[in-house]
Amino acid sequence: MSIFRKVDFYKDMVQIGLGRGVDVVEKVHLTISDFVIGRGEVVGAISDEVRTVREQHNRHVTDSYQLVRDLNSQVGTSISELITSLESSKSVVAMVDEMYGSKSA
């Protein structure tokens, strides 16, 4: 496996791990806030207001974590494009082969 493929593989693993981590943190965030906000619904007089606050909060939380997912995807795409560009540059490939030895799969 060439050094470029290894870098791309590790990039994919980091992106997958980050994506899963964001999913877990988002679920924990929403669960905790749901519990806390839910305590406000016990009082019937303000339950509609609490429901509105919950919906707005959940939308903002979801949008925030989606931004992190989108950034993760964009960074991954940029890194992949950079790796492809470096890999297609014969001078860079020759330099890397000289430094690390040619171990292409």
PDB file of N, CA and C in Angstrom:
ATOM      1  N   MET A   1       0.857  -1.177   0.000  1.00  0.00           N
ATOM      2  CA  MET A   1       0.000   0.000   0.000  1.00  0.00           C
ATOM      3  C   MET A   1       0.900   1.236   0.000  1.00  0.00           C
ATOM      4  N   SER A   2       0.628   2.135  -0.942  1.00  0.00           N
ATOM      5  CA  SER A   2       1.451   3.348  -1.013  1.00  0.00           C
ATOM      6  C   SER A   2       1.162   4.249   0.186  1.00  0.00           C
ATOM      7  N   ILE A   3       2.081   5.129   0.451  1.00  0.00           N
ATOM      8  CA  ILE A   3       1.936   6.054   1.576  1.00  0.00           C
ATOM      9  C   ILE A   3       0.690   6.922   1.402  1.00  0.00           C
ATOM     10  N   PHE A   4       0.355   7.244   0.152  1.00  0.00           N
ATOM     11  CA  PHE A   4      -0.821   8.074  -0.108  1.00  0.00           C
ATOM     12  C   PHE A   4      -2.108   7.325   0.238  1.00  0.00           C
ATOM     13  N   ARG A   5      -2.160   6.067  -0.101  1.00  0.00           N
ATOM     14  CA  ARG A   5      -3.348   5.267   0.233  1.00  0.00           C
ATOM     15  C   ARG A   5      -3.469   5.087   1.736  1.00  0.00           C
ATOM     16  N   LYS A   6      -2.330   4.936   2.410  1.00  0.00           N
ATOM     17  CA  LYS A   6      -2.363   4.826   3.873  1.00  0.00           C
ATOM     18  C   LYS A   6      -2.911   6.106   4.494  1.00  0.00           C
ATOM     19  N   VAL A   7      -2.435   7.238   4.011  1.00  0.00           N
ATOM     20  CA  VAL A   7      -2.908   8.523   4.533  1.00  0.00           C
ATOM     21  C   VAL A   7      -4.405   8.664   4.289  1.00  0.00           C
ATOM     22  N   ASP A   8      -4.857   8.294   3.099  1.00  0.00           N
ATOM     23  CA  ASP A   8      -6.282   8.379   2.777  1.00  0.00           C
ATOM     24  C   ASP A   8      -7.096   7.430   3.659  1.00  0.00           C
ATOM     25  N   PHE A   9      -6.558   6.246   3.908  1.00  0.00           N
ATOM     26  CA  PHE A   9      -7.227   5.277   4.783  1.00  0.00           C
ATOM     27  C   PHE A   9      -7.368   5.845   6.197  1.00  0.00           C
ATOM     28  N   TYR A  10      -6.286   6.392   6.734  1.00  0.00           N
ATOM     29  CA  TYR A  10      -6.341   6.968   8.081  1.00  0.00           C
ATOM     30  C   TYR A  10      -7.275   8.175   8.134  1.00  0.00           C
ATOM     31  N   LYS A  11      -7.285   8.957   7.073  1.00  0.00           N
ATOM     32  CA  LYS A  11      -8.213  10.092   6.992  1.00  0.00           C
ATOM     33  C   LYS A  11      -9.648   9.591   7.084  1.00  0.00           C
ATOM     34  N   ASP A  12      -9.957   8.517   6.350  1.00  0.00           N
ATOM     35  CA  ASP A  12     -11.306   7.936   6.398  1.00  0.00           C
ATOM     36  C   ASP A  12     -11.649   7.442   7.797  1.00  0.00           C
ATOM     37  N   MET A  13     -10.699   6.804   8.460  1.00  0.00           N
ATOM     38  CA  MET A  13     -10.952   6.284   9.810  1.00  0.00           C
ATOM     39  C   MET A  13     -11.220   7.426  10.803  1.00  0.00           C
ATOM     40  N   VAL A  14     -10.458   8.507  10.675  1.00  0.00           N
ATOM     41  CA  VAL A  14     -10.674   9.659  11.559  1.00  0.00           C
ATOM     42  C   VAL A  14     -12.045  10.273  11.285  1.00  0.00           C
ATOM     43  N   GLN A  15     -12.405  10.393  10.011  1.00  0.00           N
ATOM     44  CA  GLN A  15     -13.710  10.964   9.675  1.00  0.00           C
ATOM     45  C   GLN A  15     -14.853  10.107  10.202  1.00  0.00           C
ATOM     46  N   ILE A  16     -14.739   8.799  10.061  1.00  0.00           N
ATOM     47  CA  ILE A  16     -15.780   7.895  10.561  1.00  0.00           C
ATOM     48  C   ILE A  16     -15.888   8.015  12.077  1.00  0.00           C
ATOM     49  N   GLY A  17     -14.750   8.004  12.746  1.00  0.00           N
ATOM     50  CA  GLY A  17     -14.751   8.134  14.206  1.00  0.00           C
ATOM     51  C   GLY A  17     -15.347   9.451  14.662  1.00  0.00           C
ATOM     52  N   LEU A  18     -14.982  10.532  13.991  1.00  0.00           N
ATOM     53  CA  LEU A  18     -15.526  11.844  14.338  1.00  0.00           C
ATOM     54  C   LEU A  18     -17.030  11.880  14.100  1.00  0.00           C
ATOM     55  N   GLY A  19     -17.456  11.325  12.989  1.00  0.00           N
ATOM     56  CA  GLY A  19     -18.887  11.296  12.682  1.00  0.00           C
ATOM     57  C   GLY A  19     -19.683  10.529  13.722  1.00  0.00           C
ATOM     58  N   ARG A  20     -19.169   9.375  14.114  1.00  0.00           N
ATOM     59  CA  ARG A  20     -19.855   8.584  15.145  1.00  0.00           C
ATOM     60  C   ARG A  20     -19.847   9.307  16.485  1.00  0.00           C
ATOM     61  N   GLY A  21     -18.741   9.940  16.799  1.00  0.00           N
ATOM     62  CA  GLY A  21     -18.655  10.692  18.053  1.00  0.00           C
ATOM     63  C   GLY A  21     -19.654  11.835  18.090  1.00  0.00           C
ATOM     64  N   VAL A  22     -19.794  12.542  16.978  1.00  0.00           N
ATOM     65  CA  VAL A  22     -20.763  13.640  16.903  1.00  0.00           C
ATOM     66  C   VAL A  22     -22.178  13.104  17.096  1.00  0.00           C
ATOM     67  N   ASP A  23     -22.483  11.959  16.477  1.00  0.00           N
ATOM     68  CA  ASP A  23     -23.816  11.359  16.639  1.00  0.00           C
ATOM     69  C   ASP A  23     -24.106  11.040  18.101  1.00  0.00           C
ATOM     70  N   VAL A  24     -23.136  10.440  18.776  1.00  0.00           N
ATOM     71  CA  VAL A  24     -23.323  10.064  20.183  1.00  0.00           C
ATOM     72  C   VAL A  24     -23.498  11.306  21.057  1.00  0.00           C
ATOM     73  N   VAL A  25     -22.639  12.301  20.868  1.00  0.00           N
ATOM     74  CA  VAL A  25     -22.722  13.518  21.685  1.00  0.00           C
ATOM     75  C   VAL A  25     -24.054  14.227  21.447  1.00  0.00           C
ATOM     76  N   GLU A  26     -24.494  14.261  20.204  1.00  0.00           N
ATOM     77  CA  GLU A  26     -25.785  14.897  19.909  1.00  0.00           C
ATOM     78  C   GLU A  26     -26.925  14.177  20.627  1.00  0.00           C
ATOM     79  N   LYS A  27     -26.920  12.845  20.581  1.00  0.00           N
ATOM     80  CA  LYS A  27     -27.981  12.077  21.250  1.00  0.00           C
ATOM     81  C   LYS A  27     -27.961  12.304  22.758  1.00  0.00           C
ATOM     82  N   VAL A  28     -26.775  12.323  23.350  1.00  0.00           N
ATOM     83  CA  VAL A  28     -26.666  12.577  24.791  1.00  0.00           C
ATOM     84  C   VAL A  28     -27.163  13.990  25.105  1.00  0.00           C
ATOM     85  N   HIS A  29     -26.747  14.955  24.309  1.00  0.00           N
ATOM     86  CA  HIS A  29     -27.164  16.346  24.499  1.00  0.00           C
ATOM     87  C   HIS A  29     -28.692  16.456  24.465  1.00  0.00           C
ATOM     88  N   LEU A  30     -29.308  15.851  23.438  1.00  0.00           N
ATOM     89  CA  LEU A  30     -30.761  15.924  23.309  1.00  0.00           C
ATOM     90  C   LEU A  30     -31.472  15.171  24.429  1.00  0.00           C
ATOM     91  N   THR A  31     -30.914  14.052  24.867  1.00  0.00           N
ATOM     92  CA  THR A  31     -31.528  13.279  25.951  1.00  0.00           C
ATOM     93  C   THR A  31     -31.509  14.062  27.259  1.00  0.00           C
ATOM     94  N   ILE A  32     -30.372  14.648  27.571  1.00  0.00           N
ATOM     95  CA  ILE A  32     -30.267  15.425  28.817  1.00  0.00           C
ATOM     96  C   ILE A  32     -31.186  16.643  28.763  1.00  0.00           C
ATOM     97  N   SER A  33     -31.159  17.361  27.659  1.00  0.00           N
ATOM     98  CA  SER A  33     -32.012  18.552  27.566  1.00  0.00           C
ATOM     99  C   SER A  33     -33.486  18.168  27.558  1.00  0.00           C
ATOM    100  N   ASP A  34     -33.822  17.032  26.961  1.00  0.00           N
ATOM    101  CA  ASP A  34     -35.207  16.562  26.961  1.00  0.00           C
ATOM    102  C   ASP A  34     -35.676  16.288  28.387  1.00  0.00           C
ATOM    103  N   PHE A  35     -34.803  15.683  29.172  1.00  0.00           N
ATOM    104  CA  PHE A  35     -35.133  15.403  30.573  1.00  0.00           C
ATOM    105  C   PHE A  35     -35.345  16.704  31.346  1.00  0.00           C
ATOM    106  N   VAL A  36     -34.420  17.637  31.176  1.00  0.00           N
ATOM    107  CA  VAL A  36     -34.493  18.902  31.915  1.00  0.00           C
ATOM    108  C   VAL A  36     -35.709  19.718  31.473  1.00  0.00           C
ATOM    109  N   ILE A  37     -35.881  19.856  30.180  1.00  0.00           N
ATOM    110  CA  ILE A  37     -37.012  20.641  29.673  1.00  0.00           C
ATOM    111  C   ILE A  37     -38.330  19.956  30.021  1.00  0.00           C
ATOM    112  N   GLY A  38     -38.321  18.632  30.023  1.00  0.00           N
ATOM    113  CA  GLY A  38     -39.530  17.877  30.360  1.00  0.00           C
ATOM    114  C   GLY A  38     -40.040  18.163  31.754  1.00  0.00           C
ATOM    115  N   ARG A  39     -39.148  18.517  32.670  1.00  0.00           N
ATOM    116  CA  ARG A  39     -39.581  18.861  34.036  1.00  0.00           C
ATOM    117  C   ARG A  39     -40.501  20.075  34.003  1.00  0.00           C
ATOM    118  N   GLY A  40     -40.299  20.959  33.041  1.00  0.00           N
ATOM    119  CA  GLY A  40     -41.139  22.149  32.935  1.00  0.00           C
ATOM    120  C   GLY A  40     -42.542  21.846  32.450  1.00  0.00           C
ATOM    121  N   GLU A  41     -42.706  20.727  31.757  1.00  0.00           N
ATOM    122  CA  GLU A  41     -44.026  20.362  31.247  1.00  0.00           C
ATOM    123  C   GLU A  41     -44.941  19.822  32.339  1.00  0.00           C
ATOM    124  N   VAL A  42     -44.390  19.515  33.479  1.00  0.00           N
ATOM    125  CA  VAL A  42     -45.192  19.017  34.591  1.00  0.00           C
ATOM    126  C   VAL A  42     -46.217  20.068  35.005  1.00  0.00           C
ATOM    127  N   VAL A  43     -45.820  21.317  34.924  1.00  0.00           N
ATOM    128  CA  VAL A  43     -46.732  22.416  35.241  1.00  0.00           C
ATOM    129  C   VAL A  43     -47.584  22.663  33.998  1.00  0.00           C
ATOM    130  N   GLY A  44     -48.860  22.323  34.087  1.00  0.00           N
ATOM    131  CA  GLY A  44     -49.740  22.372  32.924  1.00  0.00           C
ATOM    132  C   GLY A  44     -49.906  23.744  32.302  1.00  0.00           C
ATOM    133  N   ALA A  45     -49.855  24.792  33.089  1.00  0.00           N
ATOM    134  CA  ALA A  45     -50.116  26.144  32.586  1.00  0.00           C
ATOM    135  C   ALA A  45     -49.079  26.605  31.574  1.00  0.00           C
ATOM    136  N   ILE A  46     -47.863  26.125  31.699  1.00  0.00           N
ATOM    137  CA  ILE A  46     -46.807  26.586  30.785  1.00  0.00           C
ATOM    138  C   ILE A  46     -46.338  25.488  29.840  1.00  0.00           C
ATOM    139  N   SER A  47     -47.079  24.399  29.758  1.00  0.00           N
ATOM    140  CA  SER A  47     -46.612  23.270  28.946  1.00  0.00           C
ATOM    141  C   SER A  47     -46.483  23.629  27.467  1.00  0.00           C
ATOM    142  N   ASP A  48     -47.359  24.487  26.934  1.00  0.00           N
ATOM    143  CA  ASP A  48     -47.240  24.888  25.529  1.00  0.00           C
ATOM    144  C   ASP A  48     -45.968  25.693  25.289  1.00  0.00           C
ATOM    145  N   GLU A  49     -45.654  26.586  26.211  1.00  0.00           N
ATOM    146  CA  GLU A  49     -44.434  27.378  26.083  1.00  0.00           C
ATOM    147  C   GLU A  49     -43.198  26.486  26.180  1.00  0.00           C
ATOM    148  N   VAL A  50     -43.257  25.528  27.088  1.00  0.00           N
ATOM    149  CA  VAL A  50     -42.131  24.600  27.252  1.00  0.00           C
ATOM    150  C   VAL A  50     -41.958  23.771  25.984  1.00  0.00           C
ATOM    151  N   ARG A  51     -43.050  23.340  25.396  1.00  0.00           N
ATOM    152  CA  ARG A  51     -42.989  22.555  24.161  1.00  0.00           C
ATOM    153  C   ARG A  51     -42.344  23.383  23.044  1.00  0.00           C
ATOM    154  N   THR A  52     -42.702  24.649  22.965  1.00  0.00           N
ATOM    155  CA  THR A  52     -42.115  25.536  21.955  1.00  0.00           C
ATOM    156  C   THR A  52     -40.613  25.704  22.184  1.00  0.00           C
ATOM    157  N   VAL A  53     -40.232  25.901  23.438  1.00  0.00           N
ATOM    158  CA  VAL A  53     -38.808  26.029  23.774  1.00  0.00           C
ATOM    159  C   VAL A  53     -38.070  24.747  23.413  1.00  0.00           C
ATOM    160  N   ARG A  54     -38.665  23.589  23.722  1.00  0.00           N
ATOM    161  CA  ARG A  54     -38.039  22.301  23.405  1.00  0.00           C
ATOM    162  C   ARG A  54     -37.812  22.173  21.901  1.00  0.00           C
ATOM    163  N   GLU A  55     -38.817  22.498  21.104  1.00  0.00           N
ATOM    164  CA  GLU A  55     -38.694  22.380  19.646  1.00  0.00           C
ATOM    165  C   GLU A  55     -37.599  23.298  19.108  1.00  0.00           C
ATOM    166  N   GLN A  56     -37.568  24.535  19.596  1.00  0.00           N
ATOM    167  CA  GLN A  56     -36.529  25.471  19.151  1.00  0.00           C
ATOM    168  C   GLN A  56     -35.141  24.993  19.578  1.00  0.00           C
ATOM    169  N   HIS A  57     -35.035  24.546  20.809  1.00  0.00           N
ATOM    170  CA  HIS A  57     -33.752  24.057  21.319  1.00  0.00           C
ATOM    171  C   HIS A  57     -33.268  22.868  20.499  1.00  0.00           C
ATOM    172  N   ASN A  58     -34.147  21.894  20.275  1.00  0.00           N
ATOM    173  CA  ASN A  58     -33.754  20.700  19.524  1.00  0.00           C
ATOM    174  C   ASN A  58     -33.340  21.054  18.099  1.00  0.00           C
ATOM    175  N   ARG A  59     -34.043  22.001  17.492  1.00  0.00           N
ATOM    176  CA  ARG A  59     -33.684  22.419  16.138  1.00  0.00           C
ATOM    177  C   ARG A  59     -32.296  23.067  16.130  1.00  0.00           C
ATOM    178  N   HIS A  60     -32.019  23.925  17.098  1.00  0.00           N
ATOM    179  CA  HIS A  60     -30.703  24.581  17.173  1.00  0.00           C
ATOM    180  C   HIS A  60     -29.589  23.567  17.447  1.00  0.00           C
ATOM    181  N   VAL A  61     -29.846  22.627  18.339  1.00  0.00           N
ATOM    182  CA  VAL A  61     -28.847  21.594  18.649  1.00  0.00           C
ATOM    183  C   VAL A  61     -28.566  20.758  17.404  1.00  0.00           C
ATOM    184  N   THR A  62     -29.626  20.304  16.742  1.00  0.00           N
ATOM    185  CA  THR A  62     -29.461  19.477  15.545  1.00  0.00           C
ATOM    186  C   THR A  62     -28.715  20.245  14.455  1.00  0.00           C
ATOM    187  N   ASP A  63     -29.063  21.515  14.262  1.00  0.00           N
ATOM    188  CA  ASP A  63     -28.367  22.333  13.258  1.00  0.00           C
ATOM    189  C   ASP A  63     -26.884  22.494  13.595  1.00  0.00           C
ATOM    190  N   SER A  64     -26.576  22.667  14.866  1.00  0.00           N
ATOM    191  CA  SER A  64     -25.177  22.829  15.286  1.00  0.00           C
ATOM    192  C   SER A  64     -24.361  21.578  15.001  1.00  0.00           C
ATOM    193  N   TYR A  65     -24.905  20.424  15.354  1.00  0.00           N
ATOM    194  CA  TYR A  65     -24.174  19.187  15.109  1.00  0.00           C
ATOM    195  C   TYR A  65     -24.100  18.866  13.616  1.00  0.00           C
ATOM    196  N   GLN A  66     -25.110  19.272  12.859  1.00  0.00           N
ATOM    197  CA  GLN A  66     -25.057  19.075  11.412  1.00  0.00           C
ATOM    198  C   GLN A  66     -23.944  19.919  10.806  1.00  0.00           C
ATOM    199  N   LEU A  67     -23.728  21.106  11.339  1.00  0.00           N
ATOM    200  CA  LEU A  67     -22.622  21.946  10.878  1.00  0.00           C
ATOM    201  C   LEU A  67     -21.288  21.226  11.078  1.00  0.00           C
ATOM    202  N   VAL A  68     -21.115  20.581  12.224  1.00  0.00           N
ATOM    203  CA  VAL A  68     -19.880  19.827  12.484  1.00  0.00           C
ATOM    204  C   VAL A  68     -19.751  18.686  11.476  1.00  0.00           C
ATOM    205  N   ARG A  69     -20.855  17.989  11.200  1.00  0.00           N
ATOM    206  CA  ARG A  69     -20.819  16.899  10.211  1.00  0.00           C
ATOM    207  C   ARG A  69     -20.437  17.431   8.823  1.00  0.00           C
ATOM    208  N   ASP A  70     -21.033  18.553   8.443  1.00  0.00           N
ATOM    209  CA  ASP A  70     -20.731  19.146   7.134  1.00  0.00           C
ATOM    210  C   ASP A  70     -19.267  19.566   7.038  1.00  0.00           C
ATOM    211  N   LEU A  71     -18.748  20.182   8.097  1.00  0.00           N
ATOM    212  CA  LEU A  71     -17.331  20.565   8.105  1.00  0.00           C
ATOM    213  C   LEU A  71     -16.432  19.339   8.004  1.00  0.00           C
ATOM    214  N   ASN A  72     -16.771  18.277   8.728  1.00  0.00           N
ATOM    215  CA  ASN A  72     -16.014  17.028   8.668  1.00  0.00           C
ATOM    216  C   ASN A  72     -15.983  16.507   7.229  1.00  0.00           C
ATOM    217  N   SER A  73     -17.119  16.544   6.567  1.00  0.00           N
ATOM    218  CA  SER A  73     -17.201  16.072   5.186  1.00  0.00           C
ATOM    219  C   SER A  73     -16.373  16.947   4.248  1.00  0.00           C
ATOM    220  N   GLN A  74     -16.470  18.263   4.404  1.00  0.00           N
ATOM    221  CA  GLN A  74     -15.721  19.177   3.538  1.00  0.00           C
ATOM    222  C   GLN A  74     -14.216  19.051   3.746  1.00  0.00           C
ATOM    223  N   VAL A  75     -13.796  18.916   4.994  1.00  0.00           N
ATOM    224  CA  VAL A  75     -12.367  18.738   5.274  1.00  0.00           C
ATOM    225  C   VAL A  75     -11.883  17.426   4.662  1.00  0.00           C
ATOM    226  N   GLY A  76     -12.671  16.368   4.808  1.00  0.00           N
ATOM    227  CA  GLY A  76     -12.307  15.076   4.224  1.00  0.00           C
ATOM    228  C   GLY A  76     -12.180  15.145   2.716  1.00  0.00           C
ATOM    229  N   THR A  77     -13.115  15.830   2.073  1.00  0.00           N
ATOM    230  CA  THR A  77     -13.062  15.990   0.620  1.00  0.00           C
ATOM    231  C   THR A  77     -11.813  16.770   0.208  1.00  0.00           C
ATOM    232  N   SER A  78     -11.516  17.826   0.926  1.00  0.00           N
ATOM    233  CA  SER A  78     -10.320  18.626   0.612  1.00  0.00           C
ATOM    234  C   SER A  78      -9.043  17.811   0.779  1.00  0.00           C
ATOM    235  N   ILE A  79      -8.976  17.028   1.847  1.00  0.00           N
ATOM    236  CA  ILE A  79      -7.791  16.192   2.075  1.00  0.00           C
ATOM    237  C   ILE A  79      -7.662  15.151   0.972  1.00  0.00           C
ATOM    238  N   SER A  80      -8.770  14.526   0.585  1.00  0.00           N
ATOM    239  CA  SER A  80      -8.728  13.534  -0.492  1.00  0.00           C
ATOM    240  C   SER A  80      -8.255  14.161  -1.798  1.00  0.00           C
ATOM    241  N   GLU A  81      -8.745  15.360  -2.094  1.00  0.00           N
ATOM    242  CA  GLU A  81      -8.306  16.052  -3.310  1.00  0.00           C
ATOM    243  C   GLU A  81      -6.817  16.379  -3.248  1.00  0.00           C
ATOM    244  N   LEU A  82      -6.342  16.792  -2.088  1.00  0.00           N
ATOM    245  CA  LEU A  82      -4.918  17.083  -1.914  1.00  0.00           C
ATOM    246  C   LEU A  82      -4.087  15.819  -2.104  1.00  0.00           C
ATOM    247  N   ILE A  83      -4.529  14.711  -1.526  1.00  0.00           N
ATOM    248  CA  ILE A  83      -3.810  13.440  -1.672  1.00  0.00           C
ATOM    249  C   ILE A  83      -3.765  13.033  -3.135  1.00  0.00           C
ATOM    250  N   THR A  84      -4.894  13.155  -3.829  1.00  0.00           N
ATOM    251  CA  THR A  84      -4.942  12.812  -5.250  1.00  0.00           C
ATOM    252  C   THR A  84      -3.994  13.697  -6.047  1.00  0.00           C
ATOM    253  N   SER A  85      -3.977  14.975  -5.729  1.00  0.00           N
ATOM    254  CA  SER A  85      -3.086  15.910  -6.414  1.00  0.00           C
ATOM    255  C   SER A  85      -1.620  15.554  -6.166  1.00  0.00           C
ATOM    256  N   LEU A  86      -1.287  15.261  -4.913  1.00  0.00           N
ATOM    257  CA  LEU A  86       0.093  14.885  -4.587  1.00  0.00           C
ATOM    258  C   LEU A  86       0.481  13.578  -5.265  1.00  0.00           C
ATOM    259  N   GLU A  87      -0.456  12.635  -5.265  1.00  0.00           N
ATOM    260  CA  GLU A  87      -0.179  11.324  -5.852  1.00  0.00           C
ATOM    261  C   GLU A  87       0.048  11.428  -7.358  1.00  0.00           C
ATOM    262  N   SER A  88      -0.623  12.381  -8.001  1.00  0.00           N
ATOM    263  CA  SER A  88      -0.465  12.525  -9.447  1.00  0.00           C
ATOM    264  C   SER A  88       0.781  13.330  -9.821  1.00  0.00           C
ATOM    265  N   SER A  89       1.412  13.941  -8.850  1.00  0.00           N
ATOM    266  CA  SER A  89       2.629  14.698  -9.105  1.00  0.00           C
ATOM    267  C   SER A  89       3.826  13.750  -9.052  1.00  0.00           C
ATOM    268  N   LYS A  90       4.446  13.536 -10.187  1.00  0.00           N
ATOM    269  CA  LYS A  90       5.549  12.576 -10.272  1.00  0.00           C
ATOM    270  C   LYS A  90       6.719  12.963  -9.367  1.00  0.00           C
ATOM    271  N   SER A  91       6.984  14.247  -9.229  1.00  0.00           N
ATOM    272  CA  SER A  91       8.113  14.655  -8.391  1.00  0.00           C
ATOM    273  C   SER A  91       7.837  14.353  -6.923  1.00  0.00           C
ATOM    274  N   VAL A  92       6.598  14.538  -6.480  1.00  0.00           N
ATOM    275  CA  VAL A  92       6.258  14.232  -5.091  1.00  0.00           C
ATOM    276  C   VAL A  92       6.309  12.728  -4.858  1.00  0.00           C
ATOM    277  N   VAL A  93       5.779  11.950  -5.809  1.00  0.00           N
ATOM    278  CA  VAL A  93       5.806  10.492  -5.681  1.00  0.00           C
ATOM    279  C   VAL A  93       7.244  10.002  -5.618  1.00  0.00           C
ATOM    280  N   ALA A  94       8.116  10.553  -6.459  1.00  0.00           N
ATOM    281  CA  ALA A  94       9.525  10.152  -6.447  1.00  0.00           C
ATOM    282  C   ALA A  94      10.175  10.501  -5.110  1.00  0.00           C
ATOM    283  N   MET A  95       9.871  11.674  -4.577  1.00  0.00           N
ATOM    284  CA  MET A  95      10.437  12.089  -3.294  1.00  0.00           C
ATOM    285  C   MET A  95       9.952  11.170  -2.167  1.00  0.00           C
ATOM    286  N   VAL A  96       8.656  10.858  -2.160  1.00  0.00           N
ATOM    287  CA  VAL A  96       8.106   9.981  -1.119  1.00  0.00           C
ATOM    288  C   VAL A  96       8.685   8.580  -1.243  1.00  0.00           C
ATOM    289  N   ASP A  97       8.794   8.079  -2.467  1.00  0.00           N
ATOM    290  CA  ASP A  97       9.395   6.759  -2.669  1.00  0.00           C
ATOM    291  C   ASP A  97      10.835   6.734  -2.176  1.00  0.00           C
ATOM    292  N   GLU A  98      11.553   7.822  -2.410  1.00  0.00           N
ATOM    293  CA  GLU A  98      12.936   7.901  -1.952  1.00  0.00           C
ATOM    294  C   GLU A  98      13.002   7.926  -0.425  1.00  0.00           C
ATOM    295  N   MET A  99      12.077   8.651   0.199  1.00  0.00           N
ATOM    296  CA  MET A  99      12.080   8.775   1.659  1.00  0.00           C
ATOM    297  C   MET A  99      11.607   7.497   2.352  1.00  0.00           C
ATOM    298  N   TYR A 100      10.552   6.893   1.832  1.00  0.00           N
ATOM    299  CA  TYR A 100       9.917   5.765   2.517  1.00  0.00           C
ATOM    300  C   TYR A 100      10.076   4.440   1.792  1.00  0.00           C
ATOM    301  N   GLY A 101      10.659   4.470   0.631  1.00  0.00           N
ATOM    302  CA  GLY A 101      10.790   3.251  -0.145  1.00  0.00           C
ATOM    303  C   GLY A 101       9.506   2.990  -0.906  1.00  0.00           C
ATOM    304  N   SER A 102       9.628   2.382  -2.046  1.00  0.00           N
ATOM    305  CA  SER A 102       8.456   2.091  -2.869  1.00  0.00           C
ATOM    306  C   SER A 102       7.803   0.819  -2.369  1.00  0.00           C
ATOM    307  N   LYS A 103       6.655   0.968  -1.692  1.00  0.00           N
ATOM    308  CA  LYS A 103       5.933  -0.181  -1.144  1.00  0.00           C
ATOM    309  C   LYS A 103       4.513  -0.198  -1.684  1.00  0.00           C
ATOM    310  N   SER A 104       4.371   0.111  -2.958  1.00  0.00           N
ATOM    311  CA  SER A 104       3.041   0.158  -3.567  1.00  0.00           C
ATOM    312  C   SER A 104       2.438  -1.225  -3.600  1.00  0.00           C
ATOM    313  N   ALA A 105       1.112  -1.276  -3.386  1.00  0.00           N
ATOM    314  CA  ALA A 105       0.399  -2.552  -3.408  1.00  0.00           C
ATOM    315  C   ALA A 105      -0.044  -2.863  -4.799  1.00  0.00           C
TER     316      ALA A 105
END
